[in-house]
PDB file of N, CA and C in Angstrom:
ATOM      1  N   MET A   1     -10.186  21.652   1.776  1.00  0.00           N
ATOM      2  CA  MET A   1      -8.859  22.436   1.467  1.00  0.00           C
ATOM      3  C   MET A   1      -9.051  22.437   0.242  1.00  0.00           C
ATOM      4  N   LYS A   2      -8.982  23.380  -0.335  1.00  0.00           N
ATOM      5  CA  LYS A   2      -8.953  23.718  -1.750  1.00  0.00           C
ATOM      6  C   LYS A   2      -7.671  23.254  -2.599  1.00  0.00           C
ATOM      7  N   PRO A   3      -8.151  22.022  -3.401  1.00  0.00           N
ATOM      8  CA  PRO A   3      -6.680  22.009  -4.262  1.00  0.00           C
ATOM      9  C   PRO A   3      -6.274  23.015  -4.846  1.00  0.00           C
ATOM     10  N   ARG A   4      -4.553  23.010  -4.826  1.00  0.00           N
ATOM     11  CA  ARG A   4      -3.861  23.742  -5.699  1.00  0.00           C
ATOM     12  C   ARG A   4      -3.530  23.375  -7.102  1.00  0.00           C
ATOM     13  N   ASN A   5      -3.838  21.936  -7.261  1.00  0.00           N
ATOM     14  CA  ASN A   5      -3.957  21.689  -8.904  1.00  0.00           C
ATOM     15  C   ASN A   5      -5.099  22.179  -9.267  1.00  0.00           C
ATOM     16  N   GLU A   6      -5.146  22.768 -10.741  1.00  0.00           N
ATOM     17  CA  GLU A   6      -6.484  22.857 -11.408  1.00  0.00           C
ATOM     18  C   GLU A   6      -7.324  21.850 -11.919  1.00  0.00           C
ATOM     19  N   LYS A   7      -6.465  20.810 -12.130  1.00  0.00           N
ATOM     20  CA  LYS A   7      -7.245  19.431 -12.593  1.00  0.00           C
ATOM     21  C   LYS A   7      -7.820  18.754 -11.731  1.00  0.00           C
ATOM     22  N   VAL A   8      -7.443  18.729 -10.031  1.00  0.00           N
ATOM     23  CA  VAL A   8      -8.078  17.827  -9.204  1.00  0.00           C
ATOM     24  C   VAL A   8      -9.438  19.122  -8.689  1.00  0.00           C
ATOM     25  N   GLN A   9      -9.348  20.241  -8.861  1.00  0.00           N
ATOM     26  CA  GLN A   9     -10.404  20.987  -8.811  1.00  0.00           C
ATOM     27  C   GLN A   9     -11.593  20.947  -9.435  1.00  0.00           C
ATOM     28  N   LYS A  10     -11.221  20.491 -11.181  1.00  0.00           N
ATOM     29  CA  LYS A  10     -12.341  20.480 -11.950  1.00  0.00           C
ATOM     30  C   LYS A  10     -12.929  19.024 -11.571  1.00  0.00           C
ATOM     31  N   PHE A  11     -12.093  18.264 -11.475  1.00  0.00           N
ATOM     32  CA  PHE A  11     -12.615  16.703 -11.433  1.00  0.00           C
ATOM     33  C   PHE A  11     -13.530  17.155 -10.005  1.00  0.00           C
ATOM     34  N   LEU A  12     -13.108  17.458  -8.546  1.00  0.00           N
ATOM     35  CA  LEU A  12     -13.986  17.464  -7.716  1.00  0.00           C
ATOM     36  C   LEU A  12     -15.171  18.313  -8.078  1.00  0.00           C
ATOM     37  N   GLU A  13     -15.298  19.207  -8.827  1.00  0.00           N
ATOM     38  CA  GLU A  13     -16.219  20.028  -9.300  1.00  0.00           C
ATOM     39  C   GLU A  13     -17.194  19.274  -9.902  1.00  0.00           C
ATOM     40  N   GLU A  14     -16.738  18.736 -10.978  1.00  0.00           N
ATOM     41  CA  GLU A  14     -17.649  17.867 -11.320  1.00  0.00           C
ATOM     42  C   GLU A  14     -17.978  16.601 -10.680  1.00  0.00           C
ATOM     43  N   VAL A  15     -17.781  15.969  -9.840  1.00  0.00           N
ATOM     44  CA  VAL A  15     -18.200  14.885  -9.135  1.00  0.00           C
ATOM     45  C   VAL A  15     -19.535  15.409  -8.096  1.00  0.00           C
ATOM     46  N   MET A  16     -19.045  16.783  -7.777  1.00  0.00           N
ATOM     47  CA  MET A  16     -20.266  17.226  -6.833  1.00  0.00           C
ATOM     48  C   MET A  16     -21.229  17.957  -7.508  1.00  0.00           C
ATOM     49  N   MET A  17     -21.662  18.020  -8.597  1.00  0.00           N
ATOM     50  CA  MET A  17     -22.550  18.197  -9.522  1.00  0.00           C
ATOM     51  C   MET A  17     -23.572  16.528  -9.910  1.00  0.00           C
ATOM     52  N   ILE A  18     -22.448  16.000  -9.782  1.00  0.00           N
ATOM     53  CA  ILE A  18     -23.370  14.515 -10.251  1.00  0.00           C
ATOM     54  C   ILE A  18     -23.433  13.829  -9.045  1.00  0.00           C
ATOM     55  N   ASP A  19     -22.851  13.791  -7.850  1.00  0.00           N
ATOM     56  CA  ASP A  19     -22.852  12.991  -7.046  1.00  0.00           C
ATOM     57  C   ASP A  19     -22.286  13.452  -5.410  1.00  0.00           C
ATOM     58  N   ALA A  20     -23.309  14.711  -4.971  1.00  0.00           N
ATOM     59  CA  ALA A  20     -22.943  15.544  -3.576  1.00  0.00           C
ATOM     60  C   ALA A  20     -22.350  14.416  -2.146  1.00  0.00           C
ATOM     61  N   GLU A  21     -23.010  13.315  -2.399  1.00  0.00           N
ATOM     62  CA  GLU A  21     -22.558  11.934  -1.536  1.00  0.00           C
ATOM     63  C   GLU A  21     -21.150  11.538  -1.601  1.00  0.00           C
ATOM     64  N   LYS A  22     -20.769  11.418  -2.760  1.00  0.00           N
ATOM     65  CA  LYS A  22     -19.165  10.503  -2.935  1.00  0.00           C
ATOM     66  C   LYS A  22     -18.627  12.283  -3.135  1.00  0.00           C
ATOM     67  N   HIS A  23     -18.819  13.487  -3.259  1.00  0.00           N
ATOM     68  CA  HIS A  23     -17.933  14.530  -3.334  1.00  0.00           C
ATOM     69  C   HIS A  23     -17.354  14.671  -2.056  1.00  0.00           C
ATOM     70  N   ALA A  24     -18.680  14.741  -0.881  1.00  0.00           N
ATOM     71  CA  ALA A  24     -18.211  14.653   0.644  1.00  0.00           C
ATOM     72  C   ALA A  24     -17.227  13.852   0.923  1.00  0.00           C
ATOM     73  N   SER A  25     -17.575  12.382   0.447  1.00  0.00           N
ATOM     74  CA  SER A  25     -16.578  11.792   0.982  1.00  0.00           C
ATOM     75  C   SER A  25     -14.960  12.072   0.180  1.00  0.00           C
ATOM     76  N   LEU A  26     -15.010  12.318  -0.775  1.00  0.00           N
ATOM     77  CA  LEU A  26     -13.967  12.597  -1.260  1.00  0.00           C
ATOM     78  C   LEU A  26     -13.170  13.637  -0.856  1.00  0.00           C
ATOM     79  N   MET A  27     -13.810  14.432  -0.399  1.00  0.00           N
ATOM     80  CA  MET A  27     -13.139  16.033   0.324  1.00  0.00           C
ATOM     81  C   MET A  27     -13.040  15.475   1.885  1.00  0.00           C
ATOM     82  N   GLU A  28     -13.384  14.488   2.914  1.00  0.00           N
ATOM     83  CA  GLU A  28     -13.001  14.058   3.943  1.00  0.00           C
ATOM     84  C   GLU A  28     -11.675  13.134   3.966  1.00  0.00           C
ATOM     85  N   MET A  29     -11.898  12.266   2.720  1.00  0.00           N
ATOM     86  CA  MET A  29     -11.010  11.530   2.653  1.00  0.00           C
ATOM     87  C   MET A  29      -9.262  12.407   2.534  1.00  0.00           C
ATOM     88  N   ARG A  30      -9.386  13.406   1.754  1.00  0.00           N
ATOM     89  CA  ARG A  30      -8.365  14.219   1.160  1.00  0.00           C
ATOM     90  C   ARG A  30      -8.216  14.725   2.298  1.00  0.00           C
ATOM     91  N   GLY A  31      -9.068  15.482   3.322  1.00  0.00           N
ATOM     92  CA  GLY A  31      -8.544  16.213   4.402  1.00  0.00           C
ATOM     93  C   GLY A  31      -7.613  14.923   5.335  1.00  0.00           C
ATOM     94  N   ILE A  32      -8.242  14.064   5.424  1.00  0.00           N
ATOM     95  CA  ILE A  32      -7.490  13.107   6.229  1.00  0.00           C
ATOM     96  C   ILE A  32      -5.903  12.834   6.058  1.00  0.00           C
ATOM     97  N   VAL A  33      -5.970  12.720   4.320  1.00  0.00           N
ATOM     98  CA  VAL A  33      -4.655  12.539   3.791  1.00  0.00           C
ATOM     99  C   VAL A  33      -3.897  13.875   4.076  1.00  0.00           C
ATOM    100  N   PHE A  34      -3.976  15.078   3.860  1.00  0.00           N
ATOM    101  CA  PHE A  34      -3.353  16.462   4.381  1.00  0.00           C
ATOM    102  C   PHE A  34      -3.329  16.344   5.482  1.00  0.00           C
ATOM    103  N   ASN A  35      -4.010  16.281   6.485  1.00  0.00           N
ATOM    104  CA  ASN A  35      -3.979  15.942   7.899  1.00  0.00           C
ATOM    105  C   ASN A  35      -2.837  15.551   8.404  1.00  0.00           C
ATOM    106  N   ILE A  36      -2.585  14.270   7.749  1.00  0.00           N
ATOM    107  CA  ILE A  36      -1.528  13.255   8.279  1.00  0.00           C
ATOM    108  C   ILE A  36       0.140  13.758   7.294  1.00  0.00           C
ATOM    109  N   TYR A  37      -0.278  14.107   6.488  1.00  0.00           N
ATOM    110  CA  TYR A  37       0.787  14.603   5.395  1.00  0.00           C
ATOM    111  C   TYR A  37       0.464  15.886   4.693  1.00  0.00           C
ATOM    112  N   PRO A  38       0.964  16.850   5.632  1.00  0.00           N
ATOM    113  CA  PRO A  38       0.555  18.250   4.951  1.00  0.00           C
ATOM    114  C   PRO A  38       1.194  18.608   3.935  1.00  0.00           C
ATOM    115  N   ARG A  39       2.588  18.039   3.777  1.00  0.00           N
ATOM    116  CA  ARG A  39       3.409  18.057   2.515  1.00  0.00           C
ATOM    117  C   ARG A  39       3.036  17.284   1.210  1.00  0.00           C
ATOM    118  N   ALA A  40       1.885  16.764   1.416  1.00  0.00           N
ATOM    119  CA  ALA A  40       1.510  15.801   0.357  1.00  0.00           C
ATOM    120  C   ALA A  40       1.149  16.159  -1.026  1.00  0.00           C
ATOM    121  N   GLU A  41       1.178  15.886  -1.885  1.00  0.00           N
ATOM    122  CA  GLU A  41       1.363  16.346  -3.381  1.00  0.00           C
ATOM    123  C   GLU A  41      -0.538  15.786  -3.998  1.00  0.00           C
ATOM    124  N   GLU A  42      -1.302  16.481  -4.733  1.00  0.00           N
ATOM    125  CA  GLU A  42      -2.007  15.643  -5.536  1.00  0.00           C
ATOM    126  C   GLU A  42      -1.748  16.206  -6.620  1.00  0.00           C
ATOM    127  N   ARG A  43      -2.425  14.961  -7.628  1.00  0.00           N
ATOM    128  CA  ARG A  43      -2.818  15.560  -9.020  1.00  0.00           C
ATOM    129  C   ARG A  43      -3.683  14.316  -9.871  1.00  0.00           C
ATOM    130  N   MET A  44      -4.175  14.625 -10.528  1.00  0.00           N
ATOM    131  CA  MET A  44      -4.984  13.562 -11.527  1.00  0.00           C
ATOM    132  C   MET A  44      -4.002  12.840 -12.106  1.00  0.00           C
ATOM    133  N   MET A  45      -4.355  11.256 -12.291  1.00  0.00           N
ATOM    134  CA  MET A  45      -3.615  10.608 -12.872  1.00  0.00           C
ATOM    135  C   MET A  45      -4.665   9.329 -12.899  1.00  0.00           C
ATOM    136  N   TYR A  46      -4.679   8.522 -14.024  1.00  0.00           N
ATOM    137  CA  TYR A  46      -5.396   7.453 -14.223  1.00  0.00           C
ATOM    138  C   TYR A  46      -7.023   7.380 -13.665  1.00  0.00           C
ATOM    139  N   GLY A  47      -7.280   8.552 -14.076  1.00  0.00           N
ATOM    140  CA  GLY A  47      -8.395   8.860 -14.109  1.00  0.00           C
ATOM    141  C   GLY A  47      -9.051   9.479 -12.216  1.00  0.00           C
ATOM    142  N   GLY A  48      -8.261   9.483 -11.620  1.00  0.00           N
ATOM    143  CA  GLY A  48      -8.375   9.750 -10.261  1.00  0.00           C
ATOM    144  C   GLY A  48      -7.226  10.982  -9.800  1.00  0.00           C
ATOM    145  N   ILE A  49      -7.574  11.042  -8.514  1.00  0.00           N
ATOM    146  CA  ILE A  49      -6.516  11.769  -7.592  1.00  0.00           C
ATOM    147  C   ILE A  49      -5.415  11.103  -7.098  1.00  0.00           C
ATOM    148  N   MET A  50      -4.404  11.036  -7.564  1.00  0.00           N
ATOM    149  CA  MET A  50      -3.272  10.236  -6.876  1.00  0.00           C
ATOM    150  C   MET A  50      -2.181  11.398  -6.062  1.00  0.00           C
ATOM    151  N   PHE A  51      -1.913  10.338  -5.197  1.00  0.00           N
ATOM    152  CA  PHE A  51      -0.955  11.599  -3.623  1.00  0.00           C
ATOM    153  C   PHE A  51       0.138  11.149  -3.849  1.00  0.00           C
ATOM    154  N   SER A  52       0.996  12.285  -3.200  1.00  0.00           N
ATOM    155  CA  SER A  52       2.501  11.704  -3.494  1.00  0.00           C
ATOM    156  C   SER A  52       3.434  12.641  -2.341  1.00  0.00           C
ATOM    157  N   LEU A  53       4.548  11.943  -1.796  1.00  0.00           N
ATOM    158  CA  LEU A  53       5.119  12.766  -0.937  1.00  0.00           C
ATOM    159  C   LEU A  53       6.287  12.487  -1.262  1.00  0.00           C
ATOM    160  N   ASP A  54       7.389  13.617  -1.344  1.00  0.00           N
ATOM    161  CA  ASP A  54       8.484  13.624  -2.176  1.00  0.00           C
ATOM    162  C   ASP A  54       8.710  12.851  -3.183  1.00  0.00           C
ATOM    163  N   SER A  55       8.071  12.880  -4.146  1.00  0.00           N
ATOM    164  CA  SER A  55       7.939  12.555  -5.540  1.00  0.00           C
ATOM    165  C   SER A  55       7.312  10.924  -5.553  1.00  0.00           C
ATOM    166  N   ALA A  56       7.260  10.434  -4.724  1.00  0.00           N
ATOM    167  CA  ALA A  56       6.659   9.063  -4.294  1.00  0.00           C
ATOM    168  C   ALA A  56       5.476   9.152  -4.509  1.00  0.00           C
ATOM    169  N   ASP A  57       4.470   8.280  -5.155  1.00  0.00           N
ATOM    170  CA  ASP A  57       3.372   8.287  -5.005  1.00  0.00           C
ATOM    171  C   ASP A  57       3.124   6.853  -4.163  1.00  0.00           C
ATOM    172  N   PHE A  58       1.727   7.251  -3.123  1.00  0.00           N
ATOM    173  CA  PHE A  58       1.411   6.235  -2.107  1.00  0.00           C
ATOM    174  C   PHE A  58       0.231   5.795  -2.010  1.00  0.00           C
ATOM    175  N   GLY A  59      -0.269   6.606  -2.749  1.00  0.00           N
ATOM    176  CA  GLY A  59      -2.110   5.971  -2.798  1.00  0.00           C
ATOM    177  C   GLY A  59      -2.892   7.043  -3.647  1.00  0.00           C
ATOM    178  N   GLY A  60      -3.944   6.808  -3.813  1.00  0.00           N
ATOM    179  CA  GLY A  60      -5.136   7.407  -4.820  1.00  0.00           C
ATOM    180  C   GLY A  60      -6.755   7.104  -4.686  1.00  0.00           C
ATOM    181  N   LEU A  61      -7.676   8.288  -4.840  1.00  0.00           N
ATOM    182  CA  LEU A  61      -8.600   8.177  -4.977  1.00  0.00           C
ATOM    183  C   LEU A  61      -9.521   8.074  -5.820  1.00  0.00           C
ATOM    184  N   PHE A  62     -10.715   7.136  -6.284  1.00  0.00           N
ATOM    185  CA  PHE A  62     -10.819   6.455  -7.553  1.00  0.00           C
ATOM    186  C   PHE A  62     -12.481   6.330  -7.470  1.00  0.00           C
ATOM    187  N   VAL A  63     -13.070   7.406  -8.272  1.00  0.00           N
ATOM    188  CA  VAL A  63     -14.816   7.420  -8.052  1.00  0.00           C
ATOM    189  C   VAL A  63     -15.001   6.420  -9.445  1.00  0.00           C
ATOM    190  N   ARG A  64     -15.568   5.076  -8.778  1.00  0.00           N
ATOM    191  CA  ARG A  64     -16.556   4.024  -9.368  1.00  0.00           C
ATOM    192  C   ARG A  64     -17.994   4.219  -9.312  1.00  0.00           C
ATOM    193  N   LYS A  65     -18.501   3.362 -10.027  1.00  0.00           N
ATOM    194  CA  LYS A  65     -20.160   3.408 -10.205  1.00  0.00           C
ATOM    195  C   LYS A  65     -20.830   3.432  -8.895  1.00  0.00           C
ATOM    196  N   ASN A  66     -20.743   2.495  -7.872  1.00  0.00           N
ATOM    197  CA  ASN A  66     -21.140   2.361  -6.574  1.00  0.00           C
ATOM    198  C   ASN A  66     -19.833   2.567  -5.308  1.00  0.00           C
ATOM    199  N   HIS A  67     -18.974   3.158  -5.603  1.00  0.00           N
ATOM    200  CA  HIS A  67     -18.249   3.028  -4.632  1.00  0.00           C
ATOM    201  C   HIS A  67     -17.286   3.837  -4.845  1.00  0.00           C
ATOM    202  N   ILE A  68     -16.458   4.660  -3.680  1.00  0.00           N
ATOM    203  CA  ILE A  68     -14.836   5.086  -4.101  1.00  0.00           C
ATOM    204  C   ILE A  68     -13.748   3.936  -3.698  1.00  0.00           C
ATOM    205  N   SER A  69     -13.031   3.939  -4.588  1.00  0.00           N
ATOM    206  CA  SER A  69     -11.764   3.327  -4.104  1.00  0.00           C
ATOM    207  C   SER A  69     -10.437   3.524  -3.617  1.00  0.00           C
ATOM    208  N   PHE A  70     -10.266   3.724  -2.421  1.00  0.00           N
ATOM    209  CA  PHE A  70      -9.142   4.660  -1.758  1.00  0.00           C
ATOM    210  C   PHE A  70      -7.888   3.061  -2.257  1.00  0.00           C
ATOM    211  N   GLU A  71      -6.812   3.780  -2.725  1.00  0.00           N
ATOM    212  CA  GLU A  71      -5.867   2.409  -3.451  1.00  0.00           C
ATOM    213  C   GLU A  71      -4.183   3.044  -2.590  1.00  0.00           C
ATOM    214  N   PHE A  72      -3.761   2.050  -2.201  1.00  0.00           N
ATOM    215  CA  PHE A  72      -2.733   1.954  -1.812  1.00  0.00           C
ATOM    216  C   PHE A  72      -1.465   1.563  -2.421  1.00  0.00           C
ATOM    217  N   SER A  73      -0.417   2.141  -2.368  1.00  0.00           N
ATOM    218  CA  SER A  73       0.405   1.784  -3.768  1.00  0.00           C
ATOM    219  C   SER A  73       1.105   0.136  -2.930  1.00  0.00           C
ATOM    220  N   ASN A  74       1.610   0.625  -2.018  1.00  0.00           N
ATOM    221  CA  ASN A  74       2.155  -0.918  -1.449  1.00  0.00           C
ATOM    222  C   ASN A  74       1.238  -1.395  -0.237  1.00  0.00           C
ATOM    223  N   GLY A  75       0.128  -1.538  -0.032  1.00  0.00           N
ATOM    224  CA  GLY A  75      -1.334  -2.063   0.738  1.00  0.00           C
ATOM    225  C   GLY A  75      -0.805  -3.345   1.109  1.00  0.00           C
ATOM    226  N   TYR A  76       0.242  -4.154  -0.161  1.00  0.00           N
ATOM    227  CA  TYR A  76       0.089  -5.564   0.682  1.00  0.00           C
ATOM    228  C   TYR A  76       1.353  -5.751   2.020  1.00  0.00           C
ATOM    229  N   ALA A  77       1.866  -4.660   2.293  1.00  0.00           N
ATOM    230  CA  ALA A  77       2.755  -4.731   3.521  1.00  0.00           C
ATOM    231  C   ALA A  77       2.158  -3.879   4.331  1.00  0.00           C
ATOM    232  N   MET A  78       0.694  -3.854   4.588  1.00  0.00           N
ATOM    233  CA  MET A  78       0.419  -2.882   5.565  1.00  0.00           C
ATOM    234  C   MET A  78      -0.164  -3.505   6.391  1.00  0.00           C
ATOM    235  N   GLU A  79      -0.224  -3.345   7.887  1.00  0.00           N
ATOM    236  CA  GLU A  79      -1.042  -4.081   9.190  1.00  0.00           C
ATOM    237  C   GLU A  79      -2.510  -4.143   8.744  1.00  0.00           C
ATOM    238  N   ASP A  80      -3.513  -5.192   8.686  1.00  0.00           N
ATOM    239  CA  ASP A  80      -4.593  -5.081   8.447  1.00  0.00           C
ATOM    240  C   ASP A  80      -5.425  -6.237   9.270  1.00  0.00           C
ATOM    241  N   PRO A  81      -5.903  -5.989  10.714  1.00  0.00           N
ATOM    242  CA  PRO A  81      -5.987  -6.957  11.364  1.00  0.00           C
ATOM    243  C   PRO A  81      -7.822  -6.995  11.287  1.00  0.00           C
ATOM    244  N   ASP A  82      -8.833  -5.989  10.521  1.00  0.00           N
ATOM    245  CA  ASP A  82     -10.030  -6.330  10.781  1.00  0.00           C
ATOM    246  C   ASP A  82     -10.073  -6.546   9.174  1.00  0.00           C
ATOM    247  N   GLN A  83      -9.084  -6.997   8.191  1.00  0.00           N
ATOM    248  CA  GLN A  83      -9.383  -7.576   6.854  1.00  0.00           C
ATOM    249  C   GLN A  83     -10.023  -6.447   5.934  1.00  0.00           C
ATOM    250  N   CYS A  84     -10.260  -5.298   5.970  1.00  0.00           N
ATOM    251  CA  CYS A  84     -10.507  -4.323   5.605  1.00  0.00           C
ATOM    252  C   CYS A  84      -9.974  -4.264   3.840  1.00  0.00           C
ATOM    253  N   LEU A  85      -9.032  -4.297   3.802  1.00  0.00           N
ATOM    254  CA  LEU A  85      -8.392  -4.104   2.444  1.00  0.00           C
ATOM    255  C   LEU A  85      -8.465  -5.278   1.810  1.00  0.00           C
ATOM    256  N   GLU A  86      -8.842  -4.984   0.220  1.00  0.00           N
ATOM    257  CA  GLU A  86      -9.379  -5.902  -0.627  1.00  0.00           C
ATOM    258  C   GLU A  86      -8.355  -5.707  -2.113  1.00  0.00           C
ATOM    259  N   GLY A  87      -8.192  -6.808  -2.671  1.00  0.00           N
ATOM    260  CA  GLY A  87      -6.734  -6.912  -3.782  1.00  0.00           C
ATOM    261  C   GLY A  87      -6.112  -7.880  -3.731  1.00  0.00           C
ATOM    262  N   THR A  88      -5.902  -8.496  -4.774  1.00  0.00           N
ATOM    263  CA  THR A  88      -4.630  -9.445  -5.071  1.00  0.00           C
ATOM    264  C   THR A  88      -3.707  -9.264  -5.755  1.00  0.00           C
ATOM    265  N   GLY A  89      -3.758  -8.239  -5.948  1.00  0.00           N
ATOM    266  CA  GLY A  89      -2.081  -7.610  -6.992  1.00  0.00           C
ATOM    267  C   GLY A  89      -1.171  -7.870  -6.440  1.00  0.00           C
ATOM    268  N   GLU A  90       0.568  -7.975  -6.430  1.00  0.00           N
ATOM    269  CA  GLU A  90       1.377  -7.839  -6.340  1.00  0.00           C
ATOM    270  C   GLU A  90       1.609  -6.814  -5.003  1.00  0.00           C
ATOM    271  N   PHE A  91       1.415  -6.007  -5.395  1.00  0.00           N
ATOM    272  CA  PHE A  91       1.508  -4.521  -4.148  1.00  0.00           C
ATOM    273  C   PHE A  91       0.440  -3.467  -3.768  1.00  0.00           C
ATOM    274  N   ARG A  92      -0.430  -3.507  -4.956  1.00  0.00           N
ATOM    275  CA  ARG A  92      -1.451  -2.620  -4.143  1.00  0.00           C
ATOM    276  C   ARG A  92      -2.827  -3.331  -3.594  1.00  0.00           C
ATOM    277  N   ARG A  93      -3.277  -2.500  -2.694  1.00  0.00           N
ATOM    278  CA  ARG A  93      -4.772  -2.914  -2.151  1.00  0.00           C
ATOM    279  C   ARG A  93      -5.371  -1.690  -2.028  1.00  0.00           C
ATOM    280  N   HIS A  94      -7.031  -2.406  -1.636  1.00  0.00           N
ATOM    281  CA  HIS A  94      -7.583  -0.865  -1.635  1.00  0.00           C
ATOM    282  C   HIS A  94      -9.016  -1.014  -0.745  1.00  0.00           C
ATOM    283  N   LEU A  95      -9.902   0.032  -0.292  1.00  0.00           N
ATOM    284  CA  LEU A  95     -10.675   0.082   0.499  1.00  0.00           C
ATOM    285  C   LEU A  95     -11.900   0.695  -0.307  1.00  0.00           C
ATOM    286  N   LYS A  96     -13.174  -0.160  -0.271  1.00  0.00           N
ATOM    287  CA  LYS A  96     -13.827   0.221  -1.349  1.00  0.00           C
ATOM    288  C   LYS A  96     -14.824   1.122  -0.002  1.00  0.00           C
ATOM    289  N   ILE A  97     -15.036   2.274  -0.498  1.00  0.00           N
ATOM    290  CA  ILE A  97     -15.896   3.499   0.651  1.00  0.00           C
ATOM    291  C   ILE A  97     -17.173   3.045  -0.330  1.00  0.00           C
ATOM    292  N   ARG A  98     -17.917   3.232   0.441  1.00  0.00           N
ATOM    293  CA  ARG A  98     -19.391   3.167  -0.270  1.00  0.00           C
ATOM    294  C   ARG A  98     -20.184   4.088   0.456  1.00  0.00           C
ATOM    295  N   THR A  99     -19.992   4.713   1.980  1.00  0.00           N
ATOM    296  CA  THR A  99     -20.993   5.306   2.413  1.00  0.00           C
ATOM    297  C   THR A  99     -20.028   6.074   3.572  1.00  0.00           C
ATOM    298  N   ARG A 100     -19.797   7.633   3.404  1.00  0.00           N
ATOM    299  CA  ARG A 100     -19.292   8.577   4.558  1.00  0.00           C
ATOM    300  C   ARG A 100     -19.091   7.396   5.715  1.00  0.00           C
ATOM    301  N   ALA A 101     -19.888   6.683   6.405  1.00  0.00           N
ATOM    302  CA  ALA A 101     -19.612   5.994   7.378  1.00  0.00           C
ATOM    303  C   ALA A 101     -18.544   4.644   7.245  1.00  0.00           C
ATOM    304  N   ASP A 102     -18.050   4.384   5.981  1.00  0.00           N
ATOM    305  CA  ASP A 102     -17.270   3.748   5.802  1.00  0.00           C
ATOM    306  C   ASP A 102     -16.088   4.015   6.100  1.00  0.00           C
ATOM    307  N   ILE A 103     -15.640   5.523   5.790  1.00  0.00           N
ATOM    308  CA  ILE A 103     -14.657   6.169   6.173  1.00  0.00           C
ATOM    309  C   ILE A 103     -14.307   5.876   7.481  1.00  0.00           C
ATOM    310  N   LYS A 104     -15.021   5.938   8.321  1.00  0.00           N
ATOM    311  CA  LYS A 104     -14.800   5.419  10.105  1.00  0.00           C
ATOM    312  C   LYS A 104     -14.852   4.025   9.973  1.00  0.00           C
ATOM    313  N   ASN A 105     -15.663   3.404   9.104  1.00  0.00           N
ATOM    314  CA  ASN A 105     -15.852   1.924  10.001  1.00  0.00           C
ATOM    315  C   ASN A 105     -14.829   1.294   9.350  1.00  0.00           C
ATOM    316  N   LYS A 106     -14.037   1.552   7.888  1.00  0.00           N
ATOM    317  CA  LYS A 106     -12.718   0.720   7.485  1.00  0.00           C
ATOM    318  C   LYS A 106     -11.332   1.336   7.979  1.00  0.00           C
ATOM    319  N   SER A 107     -11.646   2.204   8.856  1.00  0.00           N
ATOM    320  CA  SER A 107     -10.247   2.728   9.222  1.00  0.00           C
ATOM    321  C   SER A 107      -9.457   3.663   8.339  1.00  0.00           C
ATOM    322  N   VAL A 108     -10.093   4.700   7.867  1.00  0.00           N
ATOM    323  CA  VAL A 108      -9.233   5.483   6.608  1.00  0.00           C
ATOM    324  C   VAL A 108      -8.045   5.250   7.162  1.00  0.00           C
ATOM    325  N   ALA A 109      -7.945   6.448   7.997  1.00  0.00           N
ATOM    326  CA  ALA A 109      -6.906   7.451   8.681  1.00  0.00           C
ATOM    327  C   ALA A 109      -5.883   6.106   8.881  1.00  0.00           C
ATOM    328  N   PHE A 110      -6.242   4.873   9.988  1.00  0.00           N
ATOM    329  CA  PHE A 110      -5.449   3.742  10.220  1.00  0.00           C
ATOM    330  C   PHE A 110      -4.349   3.256   9.001  1.00  0.00           C
ATOM    331  N   PHE A 111      -5.390   3.293   7.467  1.00  0.00           N
ATOM    332  CA  PHE A 111      -4.441   3.034   6.596  1.00  0.00           C
ATOM    333  C   PHE A 111      -3.442   4.134   5.940  1.00  0.00           C
ATOM    334  N   VAL A 112      -4.199   5.445   5.957  1.00  0.00           N
ATOM    335  CA  VAL A 112      -3.112   6.491   5.261  1.00  0.00           C
ATOM    336  C   VAL A 112      -2.141   6.591   6.143  1.00  0.00           C
ATOM    337  N   LYS A 113      -2.266   6.194   7.449  1.00  0.00           N
ATOM    338  CA  LYS A 113      -0.794   6.582   8.079  1.00  0.00           C
ATOM    339  C   LYS A 113      -0.032   5.394   8.071  1.00  0.00           C
ATOM    340  N   GLN A 114      -0.238   4.535   7.081  1.00  0.00           N
ATOM    341  CA  GLN A 114       0.890   3.527   7.064  1.00  0.00           C
ATOM    342  C   GLN A 114       1.422   3.606   5.694  1.00  0.00           C
ATOM    343  N   ALA A 115       0.439   4.197   5.083  1.00  0.00           N
ATOM    344  CA  ALA A 115       0.873   4.436   3.491  1.00  0.00           C
ATOM    345  C   ALA A 115       2.010   4.963   2.853  1.00  0.00           C
ATOM    346  N   VAL A 116       3.045   6.067   4.151  1.00  0.00           N
ATOM    347  CA  VAL A 116       3.994   6.514   3.735  1.00  0.00           C
ATOM    348  C   VAL A 116       5.264   6.225   4.677  1.00  0.00           C
TER     349      VAL A 116
END
């Protein structure tokens, strides 16, 4: 799905030029978000892609040197039977996605469904 937001599109193009594997992972995870929440909005914030629904942020994708971090605004309240979520902040938790296989292995869709 092509982003409606020009800044998101530019960010994705830049990632593609630098790291095709991370770009593929970003696109797959964006697809999961929009499949589950077709009305979700995305914008660039804090150097990554933030997702919101009805003006409330629920998560974001951030490219790091060795992984992509999928951060969830209220991750502390999520079910996490396999203890995939990381972080010790008051509310946020994140998944570290190092390979495309991690998207399935760390149950990204399971967490996205809980995000709103």
